[in-house]
Each structure stands twice: as structure tokens, then as C-alpha cells.
PDB file of N, CA and C in Angstrom:
ATOM      1  N   MET A   1       0.846  -1.173   0.000  1.00  0.00           N
ATOM      2  CA  MET A   1       0.000   0.000   0.000  1.00  0.00           C
ATOM      3  C   MET A   1       0.897   1.243   0.000  1.00  0.00           C
ATOM      4  N   ILE A   2       0.530   2.229  -0.781  1.00  0.00           N
ATOM      5  CA  ILE A   2       1.249   3.498  -0.863  1.00  0.00           C
ATOM      6  C   ILE A   2       0.678   4.447   0.198  1.00  0.00           C
ATOM      7  N   ILE A   3       1.589   5.081   0.937  1.00  0.00           N
ATOM      8  CA  ILE A   3       1.158   6.018   1.976  1.00  0.00           C
ATOM      9  C   ILE A   3       1.910   7.339   1.828  1.00  0.00           C
ATOM     10  N   PRO A   4       1.277   8.445   2.203  1.00  0.00           N
ATOM     11  CA  PRO A   4       1.978   9.730   2.167  1.00  0.00           C
ATOM     12  C   PRO A   4       2.802   9.926   3.445  1.00  0.00           C
ATOM     13  N   VAL A   5       4.003  10.455   3.269  1.00  0.00           N
ATOM     14  CA  VAL A   5       4.867  10.782   4.395  1.00  0.00           C
ATOM     15  C   VAL A   5       5.197  12.261   4.284  1.00  0.00           C
ATOM     16  N   SER A   6       4.927  12.999   5.328  1.00  0.00           N
ATOM     17  CA  SER A   6       5.141  14.436   5.343  1.00  0.00           C
ATOM     18  C   SER A   6       6.418  14.769   6.122  1.00  0.00           C
ATOM     19  N   ILE A   7       7.272  15.594   5.523  1.00  0.00           N
ATOM     20  CA  ILE A   7       8.485  16.059   6.187  1.00  0.00           C
ATOM     21  C   ILE A   7       8.496  17.580   6.087  1.00  0.00           C
ATOM     22  N   THR A   8       8.627  18.247   7.227  1.00  0.00           N
ATOM     23  CA  THR A   8       8.687  19.703   7.255  1.00  0.00           C
ATOM     24  C   THR A   8      10.132  20.130   7.475  1.00  0.00           C
ATOM     25  N   CYS A   9      10.638  20.938   6.560  1.00  0.00           N
ATOM     26  CA  CYS A   9      12.017  21.427   6.640  1.00  0.00           C
ATOM     27  C   CYS A   9      12.163  22.280   7.904  1.00  0.00           C
ATOM     28  N   PRO A  10      13.179  22.000   8.720  1.00  0.00           N
ATOM     29  CA  PRO A  10      13.343  22.762   9.957  1.00  0.00           C
ATOM     30  C   PRO A  10      13.812  24.204   9.718  1.00  0.00           C
ATOM     31  N   ARG A  11      14.306  24.478   8.538  1.00  0.00           N
ATOM     32  CA  ARG A  11      14.827  25.816   8.245  1.00  0.00           C
ATOM     33  C   ARG A  11      13.756  26.737   7.672  1.00  0.00           C
ATOM     34  N   CYS A  12      13.077  26.296   6.603  1.00  0.00           N
ATOM     35  CA  CYS A  12      12.093  27.157   5.934  1.00  0.00           C
ATOM     36  C   CYS A  12      10.657  26.836   6.346  1.00  0.00           C
ATOM     37  N   LYS A  13      10.484  25.742   7.064  1.00  0.00           N
ATOM     38  CA  LYS A  13       9.170  25.289   7.559  1.00  0.00           C
ATOM     39  C   LYS A  13       8.219  24.846   6.438  1.00  0.00           C
ATOM     40  N   GLU A  14       8.743  24.620   5.242  1.00  0.00           N
ATOM     41  CA  GLU A  14       7.911  24.154   4.129  1.00  0.00           C
ATOM     42  C   GLU A  14       7.689  22.652   4.266  1.00  0.00           C
ATOM     43  N   GLU A  15       6.446  22.240   4.067  1.00  0.00           N
ATOM     44  CA  GLU A  15       6.094  20.824   4.156  1.00  0.00           C
ATOM     45  C   GLU A  15       6.269  20.157   2.796  1.00  0.00           C
ATOM     46  N   HIS A  16       6.870  18.982   2.811  1.00  0.00           N
ATOM     47  CA  HIS A  16       7.052  18.184   1.599  1.00  0.00           C
ATOM     48  C   HIS A  16       6.398  16.830   1.850  1.00  0.00           C
ATOM     49  N   VAL A  17       5.613  16.377   0.885  1.00  0.00           N
ATOM     50  CA  VAL A  17       4.909  15.103   1.027  1.00  0.00           C
ATOM     51  C   VAL A  17       5.455  14.129  -0.009  1.00  0.00           C
ATOM     52  N   PHE A  18       5.831  12.956   0.463  1.00  0.00           N
ATOM     53  CA  PHE A  18       6.364  11.900  -0.389  1.00  0.00           C
ATOM     54  C   PHE A  18       5.451  10.695  -0.295  1.00  0.00           C
ATOM     55  N   LYS A  19       5.338   9.971  -1.383  1.00  0.00           N
ATOM     56  CA  LYS A  19       4.543   8.742  -1.386  1.00  0.00           C
ATOM     57  C   LYS A  19       5.499   7.564  -1.423  1.00  0.00           C
ATOM     58  N   ILE A  20       5.414   6.737  -0.368  1.00  0.00           N
ATOM     59  CA  ILE A  20       6.245   5.547  -0.270  1.00  0.00           C
ATOM     60  C   ILE A  20       5.373   4.373   0.145  1.00  0.00           C
ATOM     61  N   THR A  21       5.930   3.187   0.056  1.00  0.00           N
ATOM     62  CA  THR A  21       5.174   2.000   0.455  1.00  0.00           C
ATOM     63  C   THR A  21       5.318   1.786   1.966  1.00  0.00           C
ATOM     64  N   GLU A  22       4.416   1.012   2.507  1.00  0.00           N
ATOM     65  CA  GLU A  22       4.495   0.658   3.930  1.00  0.00           C
ATOM     66  C   GLU A  22       5.792  -0.086   4.218  1.00  0.00           C
ATOM     67  N   GLN A  23       6.220  -0.927   3.279  1.00  0.00           N
ATOM     68  CA  GLN A  23       7.475  -1.673   3.433  1.00  0.00           C
ATOM     69  C   GLN A  23       8.666  -0.714   3.499  1.00  0.00           C
ATOM     70  N   GLN A  24       8.677   0.302   2.630  1.00  0.00           N
ATOM     71  CA  GLN A  24       9.761   1.283   2.658  1.00  0.00           C
ATOM     72  C   GLN A  24       9.777   2.034   3.986  1.00  0.00           C
ATOM     73  N   LEU A  25       8.620   2.405   4.478  1.00  0.00           N
ATOM     74  CA  LEU A  25       8.538   3.096   5.756  1.00  0.00           C
ATOM     75  C   LEU A  25       9.078   2.217   6.883  1.00  0.00           C
ATOM     76  N   ALA A  26       8.712   0.950   6.865  1.00  0.00           N
ATOM     77  CA  ALA A  26       9.196   0.022   7.888  1.00  0.00           C
ATOM     78  C   ALA A  26      10.716  -0.096   7.831  1.00  0.00           C
ATOM     79  N   GLU A  27      11.276  -0.163   6.617  1.00  0.00           N
ATOM     80  CA  GLU A  27      12.731  -0.267   6.465  1.00  0.00           C
ATOM     81  C   GLU A  27      13.423   1.016   6.919  1.00  0.00           C
ATOM     82  N   LEU A  28      12.820   2.160   6.634  1.00  0.00           N
ATOM     83  CA  LEU A  28      13.388   3.428   7.097  1.00  0.00           C
ATOM     84  C   LEU A  28      13.429   3.476   8.623  1.00  0.00           C
ATOM     85  N   LYS A  29      12.367   3.032   9.253  1.00  0.00           N
ATOM     86  CA  LYS A  29      12.295   3.046  10.718  1.00  0.00           C
ATOM     87  C   LYS A  29      13.301   2.091  11.350  1.00  0.00           C
ATOM     88  N   LYS A  30      13.542   0.949  10.705  1.00  0.00           N
ATOM     89  CA  LYS A  30      14.519  -0.012  11.226  1.00  0.00           C
ATOM     90  C   LYS A  30      15.931   0.567  11.202  1.00  0.00           C
ATOM     91  N   GLY A  31      16.245   1.299  10.145  1.00  0.00           N
ATOM     92  CA  GLY A  31      17.566   1.906  10.027  1.00  0.00           C
ATOM     93  C   GLY A  31      18.690   0.936   9.738  1.00  0.00           C
ATOM     94  N   GLU A  32      18.376  -0.204   9.166  1.00  0.00           N
ATOM     95  CA  GLU A  32      19.384  -1.231   8.918  1.00  0.00           C
ATOM     96  C   GLU A  32      19.925  -1.217   7.495  1.00  0.00           C
ATOM     97  N   LYS A  33      19.312  -0.437   6.601  1.00  0.00           N
ATOM     98  CA  LYS A  33      19.722  -0.382   5.199  1.00  0.00           C
ATOM     99  C   LYS A  33      20.085   1.044   4.822  1.00  0.00           C
ATOM    100  N   PHE A  34      20.853   1.169   3.744  1.00  0.00           N
ATOM    101  CA  PHE A  34      21.170   2.486   3.203  1.00  0.00           C
ATOM    102  C   PHE A  34      19.928   3.084   2.562  1.00  0.00           C
ATOM    103  N   ILE A  35      19.790   4.400   2.688  1.00  0.00           N
ATOM    104  CA  ILE A  35      18.616   5.086   2.148  1.00  0.00           C
ATOM    105  C   ILE A  35      18.479   4.863   0.641  1.00  0.00           C
ATOM    106  N   GLN A  36      19.606   4.817  -0.080  1.00  0.00           N
ATOM    107  CA  GLN A  36      19.541   4.619  -1.533  1.00  0.00           C
ATOM    108  C   GLN A  36      19.062   3.217  -1.901  1.00  0.00           C
ATOM    109  N   ASP A  37      19.186   2.283  -0.974  1.00  0.00           N
ATOM    110  CA  ASP A  37      18.668   0.937  -1.214  1.00  0.00           C
ATOM    111  C   ASP A  37      17.170   0.855  -0.913  1.00  0.00           C
ATOM    112  N   ILE A  38      16.711   1.683   0.012  1.00  0.00           N
ATOM    113  CA  ILE A  38      15.292   1.695   0.369  1.00  0.00           C
ATOM    114  C   ILE A  38      14.477   2.517  -0.629  1.00  0.00           C
ATOM    115  N   LEU A  39      15.041   3.653  -1.046  1.00  0.00           N
ATOM    116  CA  LEU A  39      14.348   4.566  -1.967  1.00  0.00           C
ATOM    117  C   LEU A  39      15.181   4.789  -3.228  1.00  0.00           C
ATOM    118  N   PRO A  40      15.425   3.738  -4.010  1.00  0.00           N
ATOM    119  CA  PRO A  40      16.334   3.858  -5.155  1.00  0.00           C
ATOM    120  C   PRO A  40      15.834   4.793  -6.262  1.00  0.00           C
ATOM    121  N   ASP A  41      14.532   4.984  -6.371  1.00  0.00           N
ATOM    122  CA  ASP A  41      13.979   5.821  -7.435  1.00  0.00           C
ATOM    123  C   ASP A  41      13.864   7.292  -7.036  1.00  0.00           C
ATOM    124  N   PHE A  42      14.175   7.607  -5.789  1.00  0.00           N
ATOM    125  CA  PHE A  42      14.108   8.994  -5.328  1.00  0.00           C
ATOM    126  C   PHE A  42      15.404   9.714  -5.685  1.00  0.00           C
ATOM    127  N   PRO A  43      15.316  10.975  -6.079  1.00  0.00           N
ATOM    128  CA  PRO A  43      16.534  11.753  -6.313  1.00  0.00           C
ATOM    129  C   PRO A  43      17.303  11.916  -4.992  1.00  0.00           C
ATOM    130  N   PRO A  44      18.622  12.068  -5.058  1.00  0.00           N
ATOM    131  CA  PRO A  44      19.404  12.228  -3.831  1.00  0.00           C
ATOM    132  C   PRO A  44      18.910  13.359  -2.927  1.00  0.00           C
ATOM    133  N   ALA A  45      18.469  14.462  -3.500  1.00  0.00           N
ATOM    134  CA  ALA A  45      17.996  15.590  -2.688  1.00  0.00           C
ATOM    135  C   ALA A  45      16.747  15.217  -1.894  1.00  0.00           C
ATOM    136  N   ASP A  46      15.873  14.419  -2.486  1.00  0.00           N
ATOM    137  CA  ASP A  46      14.680  13.974  -1.753  1.00  0.00           C
ATOM    138  C   ASP A  46      15.049  12.977  -0.660  1.00  0.00           C
ATOM    139  N   ARG A  47      15.986  12.090  -0.953  1.00  0.00           N
ATOM    140  CA  ARG A  47      16.430  11.142   0.076  1.00  0.00           C
ATOM    141  C   ARG A  47      17.062  11.873   1.253  1.00  0.00           C
ATOM    142  N   GLU A  48      17.749  12.975   0.963  1.00  0.00           N
ATOM    143  CA  GLU A  48      18.373  13.767   2.030  1.00  0.00           C
ATOM    144  C   GLU A  48      17.331  14.272   3.023  1.00  0.00           C
ATOM    145  N   MET A  49      16.142  14.592   2.530  1.00  0.00           N
ATOM    146  CA  MET A  49      15.082  15.048   3.434  1.00  0.00           C
ATOM    147  C   MET A  49      14.739  13.986   4.467  1.00  0.00           C
ATOM    148  N   PHE A  50      14.783  12.718   4.077  1.00  0.00           N
ATOM    149  CA  PHE A  50      14.494  11.636   5.019  1.00  0.00           C
ATOM    150  C   PHE A  50      15.608  11.500   6.060  1.00  0.00           C
ATOM    151  N   LEU A  51      16.819  11.923   5.702  1.00  0.00           N
ATOM    152  CA  LEU A  51      17.952  11.814   6.627  1.00  0.00           C
ATOM    153  C   LEU A  51      18.086  13.034   7.532  1.00  0.00           C
ATOM    154  N   SER A  52      18.097  14.214   6.932  1.00  0.00           N
ATOM    155  CA  SER A  52      18.366  15.431   7.712  1.00  0.00           C
ATOM    156  C   SER A  52      17.130  16.276   7.962  1.00  0.00           C
ATOM    157  N   GLY A  53      16.124  16.121   7.107  1.00  0.00           N
ATOM    158  CA  GLY A  53      14.925  16.938   7.217  1.00  0.00           C
ATOM    159  C   GLY A  53      14.968  18.200   6.369  1.00  0.00           C
ATOM    160  N   TYR A  54      16.168  18.567   5.897  1.00  0.00           N
ATOM    161  CA  TYR A  54      16.291  19.803   5.121  1.00  0.00           C
ATOM    162  C   TYR A  54      15.880  19.597   3.674  1.00  0.00           C
ATOM    163  N   CYS A  55      15.105  20.559   3.139  1.00  0.00           N
ATOM    164  CA  CYS A  55      14.666  20.495   1.749  1.00  0.00           C
ATOM    165  C   CYS A  55      15.848  20.824   0.832  1.00  0.00           C
ATOM    166  N   PRO A  56      15.760  20.480  -0.443  1.00  0.00           N
ATOM    167  CA  PRO A  56      16.869  20.737  -1.367  1.00  0.00           C
ATOM    168  C   PRO A  56      17.295  22.201  -1.420  1.00  0.00           C
ATOM    169  N   LYS A  57      16.354  23.111  -1.403  1.00  0.00           N
ATOM    170  CA  LYS A  57      16.687  24.537  -1.471  1.00  0.00           C
ATOM    171  C   LYS A  57      17.495  24.966  -0.249  1.00  0.00           C
ATOM    172  N   CYS A  58      17.031  24.602   0.925  1.00  0.00           N
ATOM    173  CA  CYS A  58      17.736  24.980   2.152  1.00  0.00           C
ATOM    174  C   CYS A  58      19.084  24.270   2.255  1.00  0.00           C
ATOM    175  N   TRP A  59      19.154  23.023   1.831  1.00  0.00           N
ATOM    176  CA  TRP A  59      20.409  22.278   1.870  1.00  0.00           C
ATOM    177  C   TRP A  59      21.450  22.991   1.015  1.00  0.00           C
ATOM    178  N   ASP A  60      21.056  23.434  -0.186  1.00  0.00           N
ATOM    179  CA  ASP A  60      21.971  24.164  -1.062  1.00  0.00           C
ATOM    180  C   ASP A  60      22.419  25.473  -0.413  1.00  0.00           C
ATOM    181  N   GLU A  61      21.487  26.162   0.240  1.00  0.00           N
ATOM    182  CA  GLU A  61      21.825  27.422   0.914  1.00  0.00           C
ATOM    183  C   GLU A  61      22.772  27.186   2.091  1.00  0.00           C
ATOM    184  N   ILE A  62      22.551  26.120   2.836  1.00  0.00           N
ATOM    185  CA  ILE A  62      23.414  25.814   3.975  1.00  0.00           C
ATOM    186  C   ILE A  62      24.834  25.526   3.479  1.00  0.00           C
ATOM    187  N   LEU A  63      24.939  24.748   2.414  1.00  0.00           N
ATOM    188  CA  LEU A  63      26.259  24.407   1.894  1.00  0.00           C
ATOM    189  C   LEU A  63      26.975  25.620   1.289  1.00  0.00           C
ATOM    190  N   ALA A  64      26.210  26.615   0.838  1.00  0.00           N
ATOM    191  CA  ALA A  64      26.789  27.805   0.234  1.00  0.00           C
ATOM    192  C   ALA A  64      27.235  28.834   1.276  1.00  0.00           C
ATOM    193  N   GLU A  65      26.767  28.688   2.523  1.00  0.00           N
ATOM    194  CA  GLU A  65      27.108  29.649   3.575  1.00  0.00           C
ATOM    195  C   GLU A  65      28.587  29.498   3.956  1.00  0.00           C
ATOM    196  N   PRO A  66      29.270  30.640   4.096  1.00  0.00           N
ATOM    197  CA  PRO A  66      30.673  30.552   4.522  1.00  0.00           C
ATOM    198  C   PRO A  66      30.786  30.061   5.968  1.00  0.00           C
ATOM    199  N   ILE A  67      31.846  29.380   6.243  1.00  0.00           N
ATOM    200  CA  ILE A  67      32.064  28.844   7.588  1.00  0.00           C
ATOM    201  C   ILE A  67      32.735  29.880   8.458  1.00  0.00           C
TER     202      ILE A  67
END
């Protein structure tokens, strides 16, 4: 079954909704596999949201900020 998963970026507060299977959600929660193995069809920027919570736009801005 396909289910919607909502992730809100902690920086811009924009909500992003992804459709994944119940099996993928279970594997994400277990944390035993690499994200690219669980969500192989997702672009890397979308997979990053599942890891860090940051949306692609904010992630690019964070990486562009001087240290």
C-alpha cells in the first residue's frame, strides 16, 4: 500500500509530502539499510530530506554559507 509521508524542513518550515510504500517506511524506521537501497527511485535531494529533514533549497543554501 502506498502512503503519504510528510516532512517539514526545519529551516524554511515548508512541508514536503512523499509517497512511499508501507514496506519502505518500515525499512526506514529499522535503520538497517542504506537510504539509496530503500528509496532507489528517489533523487538524492529527496532522500536527504528523510535523513536530515532539510529540503533541497535549504540544503543548497546551507552548503553555500561561509564557515
